[in-house]
């Protein structure tokens, strides 16, 4: 199973779009998505505040920031 962390926050329409992309990809793969609201951690706000949505493949230590598409997500998983 693949695990991705989605850094997000409430009211972020780009984050909603990213979540939709992840749902589409998850239909074809075993994919666990952990959504982390950056507003609950000042360190995360400083790190990701102007970059969200950000996807992190924790196992590889690789992240991608918006804009990304389904192909970028699949590359992150490989």
PDB file of N, CA and C in Angstrom:
ATOM      1  N   UNK A   1       0.848  -1.182   0.000  1.00  0.00           N
ATOM      2  CA  UNK A   1       0.000   0.000   0.000  1.00  0.00           C
ATOM      3  C   UNK A   1       0.890   1.241   0.000  1.00  0.00           C
ATOM      4  N   UNK A   2       0.501   2.215  -0.793  1.00  0.00           N
ATOM      5  CA  UNK A   2       1.199   3.491  -0.858  1.00  0.00           C
ATOM      6  C   UNK A   2       0.563   4.465   0.121  1.00  0.00           C
ATOM      7  N   UNK A   3       1.394   5.297   0.739  1.00  0.00           N
ATOM      8  CA  UNK A   3       0.893   6.302   1.678  1.00  0.00           C
ATOM      9  C   UNK A   3       1.421   7.670   1.261  1.00  0.00           C
ATOM     10  N   UNK A   4       0.503   8.626   1.143  1.00  0.00           N
ATOM     11  CA  UNK A   4       0.859  10.008   0.854  1.00  0.00           C
ATOM     12  C   UNK A   4       0.274  10.906   1.921  1.00  0.00           C
ATOM     13  N   UNK A   5       1.012  11.935   2.269  1.00  0.00           N
ATOM     14  CA  UNK A   5       0.505  12.959   3.174  1.00  0.00           C
ATOM     15  C   UNK A   5       0.129  14.165   2.331  1.00  0.00           C
ATOM     16  N   UNK A   6      -1.087  14.652   2.524  1.00  0.00           N
ATOM     17  CA  UNK A   6      -1.579  15.842   1.830  1.00  0.00           C
ATOM     18  C   UNK A   6      -1.644  16.979   2.829  1.00  0.00           C
ATOM     19  N   UNK A   7      -0.761  17.950   2.658  1.00  0.00           N
ATOM     20  CA  UNK A   7      -0.798  19.146   3.502  1.00  0.00           C
ATOM     21  C   UNK A   7      -1.837  20.084   2.917  1.00  0.00           C
ATOM     22  N   UNK A   8      -2.770  20.507   3.760  1.00  0.00           N
ATOM     23  CA  UNK A   8      -3.952  21.228   3.318  1.00  0.00           C
ATOM     24  C   UNK A   8      -4.418  22.169   4.416  1.00  0.00           C
ATOM     25  N   UNK A   9      -5.511  22.870   4.169  1.00  0.00           N
ATOM     26  CA  UNK A   9      -6.196  23.653   5.196  1.00  0.00           C
ATOM     27  C   UNK A   9      -7.622  23.924   4.734  1.00  0.00           C
ATOM     28  N   UNK A  10      -8.474  24.320   5.652  1.00  0.00           N
ATOM     29  CA  UNK A  10      -9.869  24.616   5.315  1.00  0.00           C
ATOM     30  C   UNK A  10      -9.948  25.791   4.353  1.00  0.00           C
ATOM     31  N   UNK A  11     -10.894  25.714   3.428  1.00  0.00           N
ATOM     32  CA  UNK A  11     -11.143  26.815   2.507  1.00  0.00           C
ATOM     33  C   UNK A  11     -10.162  26.911   1.357  1.00  0.00           C
ATOM     34  N   UNK A  12      -9.345  25.903   1.172  1.00  0.00           N
ATOM     35  CA  UNK A  12      -8.340  25.898   0.098  1.00  0.00           C
ATOM     36  C   UNK A  12      -8.921  25.143  -1.098  1.00  0.00           C
ATOM     37  N   UNK A  13      -9.369  25.881  -2.118  1.00  0.00           N
ATOM     38  CA  UNK A  13      -9.997  25.214  -3.262  1.00  0.00           C
ATOM     39  C   UNK A  13      -8.992  24.378  -4.061  1.00  0.00           C
ATOM     40  N   UNK A  14      -7.738  24.786  -4.081  1.00  0.00           N
ATOM     41  CA  UNK A  14      -6.725  23.974  -4.762  1.00  0.00           C
ATOM     42  C   UNK A  14      -6.507  22.657  -4.021  1.00  0.00           C
ATOM     43  N   UNK A  15      -6.606  22.705  -2.698  1.00  0.00           N
ATOM     44  CA  UNK A  15      -6.478  21.487  -1.890  1.00  0.00           C
ATOM     45  C   UNK A  15      -7.621  20.520  -2.191  1.00  0.00           C
ATOM     46  N   UNK A  16      -8.813  21.061  -2.382  1.00  0.00           N
ATOM     47  CA  UNK A  16      -9.961  20.229  -2.731  1.00  0.00           C
ATOM     48  C   UNK A  16      -9.743  19.569  -4.088  1.00  0.00           C
ATOM     49  N   UNK A  17      -9.200  20.340  -5.028  1.00  0.00           N
ATOM     50  CA  UNK A  17      -8.901  19.790  -6.353  1.00  0.00           C
ATOM     51  C   UNK A  17      -7.860  18.671  -6.241  1.00  0.00           C
ATOM     52  N   UNK A  18      -6.827  18.893  -5.434  1.00  0.00           N
ATOM     53  CA  UNK A  18      -5.797  17.870  -5.228  1.00  0.00           C
ATOM     54  C   UNK A  18      -6.400  16.608  -4.614  1.00  0.00           C
ATOM     55  N   UNK A  19      -7.286  16.767  -3.647  1.00  0.00           N
ATOM     56  CA  UNK A  19      -7.934  15.616  -3.013  1.00  0.00           C
ATOM     57  C   UNK A  19      -8.757  14.831  -4.029  1.00  0.00           C
ATOM     58  N   UNK A  20      -9.422  15.535  -4.940  1.00  0.00           N
ATOM     59  CA  UNK A  20     -10.184  14.861  -5.990  1.00  0.00           C
ATOM     60  C   UNK A  20      -9.264  14.042  -6.898  1.00  0.00           C
ATOM     61  N   UNK A  21      -8.115  14.620  -7.263  1.00  0.00           N
ATOM     62  CA  UNK A  21      -7.139  13.880  -8.073  1.00  0.00           C
ATOM     63  C   UNK A  21      -6.688  12.612  -7.354  1.00  0.00           C
ATOM     64  N   UNK A  22      -6.428  12.737  -6.068  1.00  0.00           N
ATOM     65  CA  UNK A  22      -5.984  11.583  -5.284  1.00  0.00           C
ATOM     66  C   UNK A  22      -7.053  10.501  -5.223  1.00  0.00           C
ATOM     67  N   UNK A  23      -8.306  10.899  -5.106  1.00  0.00           N
ATOM     68  CA  UNK A  23      -9.399   9.921  -5.087  1.00  0.00           C
ATOM     69  C   UNK A  23      -9.457   9.161  -6.403  1.00  0.00           C
ATOM     70  N   UNK A  24      -9.278   9.875  -7.521  1.00  0.00           N
ATOM     71  CA  UNK A  24      -9.299   9.223  -8.831  1.00  0.00           C
ATOM     72  C   UNK A  24      -8.178   8.196  -8.939  1.00  0.00           C
ATOM     73  N   UNK A  25      -6.993   8.559  -8.501  1.00  0.00           N
ATOM     74  CA  UNK A  25      -5.856   7.651  -8.569  1.00  0.00           C
ATOM     75  C   UNK A  25      -6.038   6.486  -7.607  1.00  0.00           C
ATOM     76  N   UNK A  26      -6.605   6.742  -6.457  1.00  0.00           N
ATOM     77  CA  UNK A  26      -6.815   5.713  -5.447  1.00  0.00           C
ATOM     78  C   UNK A  26      -7.743   4.606  -5.890  1.00  0.00           C
ATOM     79  N   UNK A  27      -8.581   4.891  -6.887  1.00  0.00           N
ATOM     80  CA  UNK A  27      -9.488   3.870  -7.391  1.00  0.00           C
ATOM     81  C   UNK A  27      -8.729   2.744  -8.075  1.00  0.00           C
ATOM     82  N   UNK A  28      -7.563   3.054  -8.628  1.00  0.00           N
ATOM     83  CA  UNK A  28      -6.802   2.068  -9.387  1.00  0.00           C
ATOM     84  C   UNK A  28      -5.643   1.466  -8.604  1.00  0.00           C
ATOM     85  N   UNK A  29      -5.360   1.998  -7.427  1.00  0.00           N
ATOM     86  CA  UNK A  29      -4.215   1.547  -6.629  1.00  0.00           C
ATOM     87  C   UNK A  29      -4.627   1.472  -5.167  1.00  0.00           C
ATOM     88  N   UNK A  30      -3.843   0.757  -4.411  1.00  0.00           N
ATOM     89  CA  UNK A  30      -4.010   0.813  -2.965  1.00  0.00           C
ATOM     90  C   UNK A  30      -3.286   2.066  -2.506  1.00  0.00           C
ATOM     91  N   UNK A  31      -4.042   3.043  -2.067  1.00  0.00           N
ATOM     92  CA  UNK A  31      -3.469   4.339  -1.734  1.00  0.00           C
ATOM     93  C   UNK A  31      -4.079   4.860  -0.444  1.00  0.00           C
ATOM     94  N   UNK A  32      -3.231   5.093   0.545  1.00  0.00           N
ATOM     95  CA  UNK A  32      -3.665   5.704   1.801  1.00  0.00           C
ATOM     96  C   UNK A  32      -3.274   7.176   1.757  1.00  0.00           C
ATOM     97  N   UNK A  33      -4.245   8.039   2.009  1.00  0.00           N
ATOM     98  CA  UNK A  33      -4.002   9.477   2.003  1.00  0.00           C
ATOM     99  C   UNK A  33      -4.265  10.005   3.405  1.00  0.00           C
ATOM    100  N   UNK A  34      -3.266  10.649   3.967  1.00  0.00           N
ATOM    101  CA  UNK A  34      -3.397  11.254   5.288  1.00  0.00           C
ATOM    102  C   UNK A  34      -3.407  12.762   5.089  1.00  0.00           C
ATOM    103  N   UNK A  35      -4.543  13.388   5.386  1.00  0.00           N
ATOM    104  CA  UNK A  35      -4.660  14.843   5.257  1.00  0.00           C
ATOM    105  C   UNK A  35      -4.196  15.497   6.554  1.00  0.00           C
ATOM    106  N   UNK A  36      -3.288  16.460   6.427  1.00  0.00           N
ATOM    107  CA  UNK A  36      -2.764  17.186   7.576  1.00  0.00           C
ATOM    108  C   UNK A  36      -3.108  18.655   7.396  1.00  0.00           C
ATOM    109  N   UNK A  37      -3.879  19.201   8.342  1.00  0.00           N
ATOM    110  CA  UNK A  37      -4.257  20.612   8.310  1.00  0.00           C
ATOM    111  C   UNK A  37      -3.106  21.431   8.876  1.00  0.00           C
ATOM    112  N   UNK A  38      -2.467  22.213   8.018  1.00  0.00           N
ATOM    113  CA  UNK A  38      -1.286  22.964   8.451  1.00  0.00           C
ATOM    114  C   UNK A  38      -1.611  24.056   9.459  1.00  0.00           C
ATOM    115  N   UNK A  39      -2.873  24.497   9.507  1.00  0.00           N
ATOM    116  CA  UNK A  39      -3.234  25.597  10.410  1.00  0.00           C
ATOM    117  C   UNK A  39      -3.107  25.211  11.878  1.00  0.00           C
ATOM    118  N   UNK A  40      -2.986  23.912  12.150  1.00  0.00           N
ATOM    119  CA  UNK A  40      -2.876  23.437  13.526  1.00  0.00           C
ATOM    120  C   UNK A  40      -1.432  23.396  14.032  1.00  0.00           C
ATOM    121  N   UNK A  41      -0.474  23.783  13.170  1.00  0.00           N
ATOM    122  CA  UNK A  41       0.943  23.721  13.545  1.00  0.00           C
ATOM    123  C   UNK A  41       1.678  24.893  12.896  1.00  0.00           C
ATOM    124  N   UNK A  42       2.163  25.823  13.711  1.00  0.00           N
ATOM    125  CA  UNK A  42       2.819  27.025  13.185  1.00  0.00           C
ATOM    126  C   UNK A  42       4.022  26.678  12.307  1.00  0.00           C
ATOM    127  N   UNK A  43       4.740  25.636  12.661  1.00  0.00           N
ATOM    128  CA  UNK A  43       5.877  25.210  11.849  1.00  0.00           C
ATOM    129  C   UNK A  43       5.456  24.788  10.450  1.00  0.00           C
ATOM    130  N   UNK A  44       4.327  24.078  10.366  1.00  0.00           N
ATOM    131  CA  UNK A  44       3.815  23.670   9.059  1.00  0.00           C
ATOM    132  C   UNK A  44       3.309  24.863   8.268  1.00  0.00           C
ATOM    133  N   UNK A  45       2.711  25.840   8.954  1.00  0.00           N
ATOM    134  CA  UNK A  45       2.256  27.059   8.274  1.00  0.00           C
ATOM    135  C   UNK A  45       3.454  27.763   7.646  1.00  0.00           C
ATOM    136  N   UNK A  46       4.544  27.877   8.398  1.00  0.00           N
ATOM    137  CA  UNK A  46       5.742  28.528   7.869  1.00  0.00           C
ATOM    138  C   UNK A  46       6.329  27.746   6.696  1.00  0.00           C
ATOM    139  N   UNK A  47       6.322  26.433   6.799  1.00  0.00           N
ATOM    140  CA  UNK A  47       6.933  25.598   5.772  1.00  0.00           C
ATOM    141  C   UNK A  47       6.086  25.489   4.508  1.00  0.00           C
ATOM    142  N   UNK A  48       4.760  25.366   4.677  1.00  0.00           N
ATOM    143  CA  UNK A  48       3.893  25.055   3.543  1.00  0.00           C
ATOM    144  C   UNK A  48       2.833  26.113   3.239  1.00  0.00           C
ATOM    145  N   UNK A  49       2.750  27.162   4.037  1.00  0.00           N
ATOM    146  CA  UNK A  49       1.648  28.114   3.956  1.00  0.00           C
ATOM    147  C   UNK A  49       1.324  28.643   2.579  1.00  0.00           C
ATOM    148  N   UNK A  50       2.340  29.004   1.792  1.00  0.00           N
ATOM    149  CA  UNK A  50       2.061  29.551   0.460  1.00  0.00           C
ATOM    150  C   UNK A  50       2.217  28.500  -0.632  1.00  0.00           C
ATOM    151  N   UNK A  51       2.487  27.258  -0.240  1.00  0.00           N
ATOM    152  CA  UNK A  51       2.728  26.200  -1.221  1.00  0.00           C
ATOM    153  C   UNK A  51       1.612  25.171  -1.303  1.00  0.00           C
ATOM    154  N   UNK A  52       0.658  25.193  -0.374  1.00  0.00           N
ATOM    155  CA  UNK A  52      -0.348  24.131  -0.355  1.00  0.00           C
ATOM    156  C   UNK A  52      -1.242  24.203  -1.587  1.00  0.00           C
ATOM    157  N   UNK A  53      -1.715  23.059  -2.011  1.00  0.00           N
ATOM    158  CA  UNK A  53      -1.523  21.728  -1.452  1.00  0.00           C
ATOM    159  C   UNK A  53      -0.134  21.169  -1.772  1.00  0.00           C
ATOM    160  N   UNK A  54       0.390  20.413  -0.838  1.00  0.00           N
ATOM    161  CA  UNK A  54       1.672  19.727  -0.996  1.00  0.00           C
ATOM    162  C   UNK A  54       1.451  18.254  -0.680  1.00  0.00           C
ATOM    163  N   UNK A  55       2.019  17.407  -1.520  1.00  0.00           N
ATOM    164  CA  UNK A  55       1.965  15.960  -1.299  1.00  0.00           C
ATOM    165  C   UNK A  55       3.344  15.463  -0.911  1.00  0.00           C
ATOM    166  N   UNK A  56       3.391  14.639   0.118  1.00  0.00           N
ATOM    167  CA  UNK A  56       4.647  14.069   0.590  1.00  0.00           C
ATOM    168  C   UNK A  56       4.577  12.554   0.536  1.00  0.00           C
ATOM    169  N   UNK A  57       5.534  11.956  -0.134  1.00  0.00           N
ATOM    170  CA  UNK A  57       5.740  10.513  -0.068  1.00  0.00           C
ATOM    171  C   UNK A  57       6.742  10.324   1.056  1.00  0.00           C
ATOM    172  N   UNK A  58       6.240  10.021   2.232  1.00  0.00           N
ATOM    173  CA  UNK A  58       7.070   9.957   3.431  1.00  0.00           C
ATOM    174  C   UNK A  58       8.137   8.862   3.334  1.00  0.00           C
ATOM    175  N   UNK A  59       7.809   7.760   2.694  1.00  0.00           N
ATOM    176  CA  UNK A  59       8.754   6.652   2.569  1.00  0.00           C
ATOM    177  C   UNK A  59       9.986   7.055   1.764  1.00  0.00           C
ATOM    178  N   UNK A  60       9.776   7.898   0.754  1.00  0.00           N
ATOM    179  CA  UNK A  60      10.879   8.346  -0.096  1.00  0.00           C
ATOM    180  C   UNK A  60      11.456   9.689   0.338  1.00  0.00           C
ATOM    181  N   UNK A  61      10.704  10.427   1.154  1.00  0.00           N
ATOM    182  CA  UNK A  61      11.147  11.754   1.548  1.00  0.00           C
ATOM    183  C   UNK A  61      11.058  12.764   0.419  1.00  0.00           C
ATOM    184  N   UNK A  62      10.137  12.525  -0.505  1.00  0.00           N
ATOM    185  CA  UNK A  62       9.974  13.399  -1.670  1.00  0.00           C
ATOM    186  C   UNK A  62       8.605  14.060  -1.595  1.00  0.00           C
ATOM    187  N   UNK A  63       8.567  15.363  -1.913  1.00  0.00           N
ATOM    188  CA  UNK A  63       7.293  16.078  -1.921  1.00  0.00           C
ATOM    189  C   UNK A  63       7.148  16.855  -3.216  1.00  0.00           C
ATOM    190  N   UNK A  64       5.886  17.103  -3.565  1.00  0.00           N
ATOM    191  CA  UNK A  64       5.579  17.961  -4.703  1.00  0.00           C
ATOM    192  C   UNK A  64       4.561  18.992  -4.248  1.00  0.00           C
ATOM    193  N   UNK A  65       4.719  20.196  -4.755  1.00  0.00           N
ATOM    194  CA  UNK A  65       3.782  21.269  -4.453  1.00  0.00           C
ATOM    195  C   UNK A  65       2.945  21.592  -5.672  1.00  0.00           C
ATOM    196  N   UNK A  66       1.877  22.285  -5.418  1.00  0.00           N
ATOM    197  CA  UNK A  66       0.966  22.678  -6.486  1.00  0.00           C
ATOM    198  C   UNK A  66       1.662  23.628  -7.426  1.00  0.00           C
ATOM    199  N   UNK A  67       1.468  23.538  -8.731  1.00  0.00           N
ATOM    200  CA  UNK A  67       0.496  22.682  -9.418  1.00  0.00           C
ATOM    201  C   UNK A  67       1.070  21.299  -9.723  1.00  0.00           C
ATOM    202  N   UNK A  68       0.208  20.298  -9.601  1.00  0.00           N
ATOM    203  CA  UNK A  68       0.559  18.941 -10.009  1.00  0.00           C
ATOM    204  C   UNK A  68      -0.672  18.292 -10.600  1.00  0.00           C
ATOM    205  N   UNK A  69      -0.435  17.245 -11.389  1.00  0.00           N
ATOM    206  CA  UNK A  69      -1.539  16.523 -12.014  1.00  0.00           C
ATOM    207  C   UNK A  69      -1.408  15.035 -11.686  1.00  0.00           C
ATOM    208  N   UNK A  70      -2.294  14.245 -12.264  1.00  0.00           N
ATOM    209  CA  UNK A  70      -2.303  12.814 -11.967  1.00  0.00           C
ATOM    210  C   UNK A  70      -0.972  12.160 -12.328  1.00  0.00           C
ATOM    211  N   UNK A  71      -0.371  12.562 -13.438  1.00  0.00           N
ATOM    212  CA  UNK A  71       0.916  11.985 -13.846  1.00  0.00           C
ATOM    213  C   UNK A  71       2.003  12.294 -12.817  1.00  0.00           C
ATOM    214  N   UNK A  72       1.999  13.509 -12.273  1.00  0.00           N
ATOM    215  CA  UNK A  72       2.977  13.876 -11.244  1.00  0.00           C
ATOM    216  C   UNK A  72       2.795  13.028  -9.986  1.00  0.00           C
ATOM    217  N   UNK A  73       1.546  12.775  -9.627  1.00  0.00           N
ATOM    218  CA  UNK A  73       1.266  11.962  -8.442  1.00  0.00           C
ATOM    219  C   UNK A  73       1.742  10.531  -8.658  1.00  0.00           C
ATOM    220  N   UNK A  74       1.482   9.994  -9.839  1.00  0.00           N
ATOM    221  CA  UNK A  74       1.927   8.629 -10.131  1.00  0.00           C
ATOM    222  C   UNK A  74       3.449   8.536 -10.101  1.00  0.00           C
ATOM    223  N   UNK A  75       4.133   9.566 -10.589  1.00  0.00           N
ATOM    224  CA  UNK A  75       5.594   9.595 -10.524  1.00  0.00           C
ATOM    225  C   UNK A  75       6.063   9.624  -9.076  1.00  0.00           C
ATOM    226  N   UNK A  76       5.361  10.365  -8.234  1.00  0.00           N
ATOM    227  CA  UNK A  76       5.700  10.433  -6.815  1.00  0.00           C
ATOM    228  C   UNK A  76       5.566   9.066  -6.143  1.00  0.00           C
ATOM    229  N   UNK A  77       4.649   8.263  -6.621  1.00  0.00           N
ATOM    230  CA  UNK A  77       4.412   6.937  -6.047  1.00  0.00           C
ATOM    231  C   UNK A  77       5.418   5.895  -6.523  1.00  0.00           C
ATOM    232  N   UNK A  78       5.975   6.092  -7.711  1.00  0.00           N
ATOM    233  CA  UNK A  78       6.913   5.097  -8.274  1.00  0.00           C
ATOM    234  C   UNK A  78       8.293   5.223  -7.699  1.00  0.00           C
TER     235      UNK A  78
END
